[in-house]
Amino acid sequence: EVKDKIEDKKEEVKDKIENKKEEIRNKKKDK
């Protein structure tokens, strides 16, 4: 169903954003 696909997409984007934030946080820690 389309609605499910949209929800999946949102989740995916959220995960990507979270991963990005984590990456940035880790980079800052390394310095």
PDB file of N, CA and C in Angstrom:
ATOM      1  N   GLU A   1       0.843  -1.207   0.000  1.00  0.00           N
ATOM      2  CA  GLU A   1       0.000   0.000   0.000  1.00  0.00           C
ATOM      3  C   GLU A   1       0.877   1.256   0.000  1.00  0.00           C
ATOM      4  N   VAL A   2       0.363   2.289  -0.626  1.00  0.00           N
ATOM      5  CA  VAL A   2       1.135   3.530  -0.765  1.00  0.00           C
ATOM      6  C   VAL A   2       1.466   4.126   0.605  1.00  0.00           C
ATOM      7  N   LYS A   3       0.490   4.143   1.469  1.00  0.00           N
ATOM      8  CA  LYS A   3       0.701   4.723   2.802  1.00  0.00           C
ATOM      9  C   LYS A   3       1.859   4.022   3.520  1.00  0.00           C
ATOM     10  N   ASP A   4       1.887   2.705   3.408  1.00  0.00           N
ATOM     11  CA  ASP A   4       2.965   1.943   4.034  1.00  0.00           C
ATOM     12  C   ASP A   4       4.313   2.342   3.459  1.00  0.00           C
ATOM     13  N   LYS A   5       4.337   2.522   2.147  1.00  0.00           N
ATOM     14  CA  LYS A   5       5.584   2.899   1.485  1.00  0.00           C
ATOM     15  C   LYS A   5       6.071   4.240   1.999  1.00  0.00           C
ATOM     16  N   ILE A   6       5.146   5.157   2.150  1.00  0.00           N
ATOM     17  CA  ILE A   6       5.508   6.491   2.645  1.00  0.00           C
ATOM     18  C   ILE A   6       6.059   6.374   4.061  1.00  0.00           C
ATOM     19  N   GLU A   7       5.410   5.587   4.877  1.00  0.00           N
ATOM     20  CA  GLU A   7       5.880   5.396   6.251  1.00  0.00           C
ATOM     21  C   GLU A   7       7.285   4.805   6.253  1.00  0.00           C
ATOM     22  N   ASP A   8       7.494   3.814   5.406  1.00  0.00           N
ATOM     23  CA  ASP A   8       8.808   3.184   5.302  1.00  0.00           C
ATOM     24  C   ASP A   8       9.853   4.215   4.917  1.00  0.00           C
ATOM     25  N   LYS A   9       9.488   5.043   3.977  1.00  0.00           N
ATOM     26  CA  LYS A   9      10.419   6.062   3.494  1.00  0.00           C
ATOM     27  C   LYS A   9      10.789   7.011   4.629  1.00  0.00           C
ATOM     28  N   LYS A  10       9.790   7.437   5.372  1.00  0.00           N
ATOM     29  CA  LYS A  10      10.031   8.344   6.504  1.00  0.00           C
ATOM     30  C   LYS A  10      10.981   7.701   7.498  1.00  0.00           C
ATOM     31  N   GLU A  11      10.731   6.443   7.805  1.00  0.00           N
ATOM     32  CA  GLU A  11      11.583   5.731   8.750  1.00  0.00           C
ATOM     33  C   GLU A  11      13.015   5.680   8.239  1.00  0.00           C
ATOM     34  N   GLU A  12      13.123   5.390   6.955  1.00  0.00           N
ATOM     35  CA  GLU A  12      14.432   5.286   6.325  1.00  0.00           C
ATOM     36  C   GLU A  12      15.186   6.608   6.446  1.00  0.00           C
ATOM     37  N   VAL A  13      14.498   7.673   6.127  1.00  0.00           N
ATOM     38  CA  VAL A  13      15.118   9.000   6.181  1.00  0.00           C
ATOM     39  C   VAL A  13      15.536   9.322   7.609  1.00  0.00           C
ATOM     40  N   LYS A  14      14.664   9.001   8.542  1.00  0.00           N
ATOM     41  CA  LYS A  14      14.970   9.246   9.952  1.00  0.00           C
ATOM     42  C   LYS A  14      16.235   8.486  10.356  1.00  0.00           C
ATOM     43  N   ASP A  15      16.310   7.231   9.940  1.00  0.00           N
ATOM     44  CA  ASP A  15      17.485   6.420  10.255  1.00  0.00           C
ATOM     45  C   ASP A  15      18.742   7.043   9.669  1.00  0.00           C
ATOM     46  N   LYS A  16      18.637   7.504   8.429  1.00  0.00           N
ATOM     47  CA  LYS A  16      19.794   8.108   7.769  1.00  0.00           C
ATOM     48  C   LYS A  16      20.250   9.350   8.516  1.00  0.00           C
ATOM     49  N   ILE A  17      19.290  10.149   8.928  1.00  0.00           N
ATOM     50  CA  ILE A  17      19.618  11.375   9.667  1.00  0.00           C
ATOM     51  C   ILE A  17      20.294  11.010  10.982  1.00  0.00           C
ATOM     52  N   GLU A  18      19.755  10.026  11.668  1.00  0.00           N
ATOM     53  CA  GLU A  18      20.345   9.599  12.935  1.00  0.00           C
ATOM     54  C   GLU A  18      21.779   9.128  12.727  1.00  0.00           C
ATOM     55  N   ASN A  19      21.977   8.351  11.674  1.00  0.00           N
ATOM     56  CA  ASN A  19      23.314   7.846  11.381  1.00  0.00           C
ATOM     57  C   ASN A  19      24.274   8.987  11.115  1.00  0.00           C
ATOM     58  N   LYS A  20      23.795   9.966  10.387  1.00  0.00           N
ATOM     59  CA  LYS A  20      24.618  11.127  10.055  1.00  0.00           C
ATOM     60  C   LYS A  20      25.030  11.843  11.337  1.00  0.00           C
ATOM     61  N   LYS A  21      24.071  12.055  12.218  1.00  0.00           N
ATOM     62  CA  LYS A  21      24.349  12.729  13.490  1.00  0.00           C
ATOM     63  C   LYS A  21      25.387  11.949  14.281  1.00  0.00           C
ATOM     64  N   GLU A  22      25.231  10.637  14.317  1.00  0.00           N
ATOM     65  CA  GLU A  22      26.176   9.788  15.034  1.00  0.00           C
ATOM     66  C   GLU A  22      27.577   9.951  14.461  1.00  0.00           C
ATOM     67  N   GLU A  23      27.649   9.926  13.140  1.00  0.00           N
ATOM     68  CA  GLU A  23      28.932  10.068  12.458  1.00  0.00           C
ATOM     69  C   GLU A  23      29.604  11.372  12.847  1.00  0.00           C
ATOM     70  N   ILE A  24      28.845  12.435  12.813  1.00  0.00           N
ATOM     71  CA  ILE A  24      29.381  13.756  13.151  1.00  0.00           C
ATOM     72  C   ILE A  24      29.859  13.759  14.598  1.00  0.00           C
ATOM     73  N   ARG A  25      29.070  13.198  15.463  1.00  0.00           N
ATOM     74  CA  ARG A  25      29.429  13.140  16.878  1.00  0.00           C
ATOM     75  C   ARG A  25      30.742  12.381  17.057  1.00  0.00           C
ATOM     76  N   ASN A  26      30.858  11.268  16.364  1.00  0.00           N
ATOM     77  CA  ASN A  26      32.069  10.457  16.469  1.00  0.00           C
ATOM     78  C   ASN A  26      33.282  11.194  15.938  1.00  0.00           C
ATOM     79  N   LYS A  27      33.108  11.927  14.869  1.00  0.00           N
ATOM     80  CA  LYS A  27      34.215  12.692  14.300  1.00  0.00           C
ATOM     81  C   LYS A  27      34.698  13.739  15.289  1.00  0.00           C
ATOM     82  N   LYS A  28      33.767  14.392  15.941  1.00  0.00           N
ATOM     83  CA  LYS A  28      34.131  15.418  16.924  1.00  0.00           C
ATOM     84  C   LYS A  28      34.906  14.788  18.075  1.00  0.00           C
ATOM     85  N   LYS A  29      34.497  13.601  18.476  1.00  0.00           N
ATOM     86  CA  LYS A  29      35.166  12.893  19.571  1.00  0.00           C
ATOM     87  C   LYS A  29      36.608  12.565  19.205  1.00  0.00           C
ATOM     88  N   ASP A  30      36.829  12.217  17.954  1.00  0.00           N
ATOM     89  CA  ASP A  30      38.164  11.814  17.514  1.00  0.00           C
ATOM     90  C   ASP A  30      39.203  12.922  17.639  1.00  0.00           C
ATOM     91  N   LYS A  31      38.773  14.147  17.540  1.00  0.00           N
ATOM     92  CA  LYS A  31      39.737  15.259  17.564  1.00  0.00           C
ATOM     93  C   LYS A  31      40.365  15.447  18.930  1.00  0.00           C
TER      94      LYS A  31
END
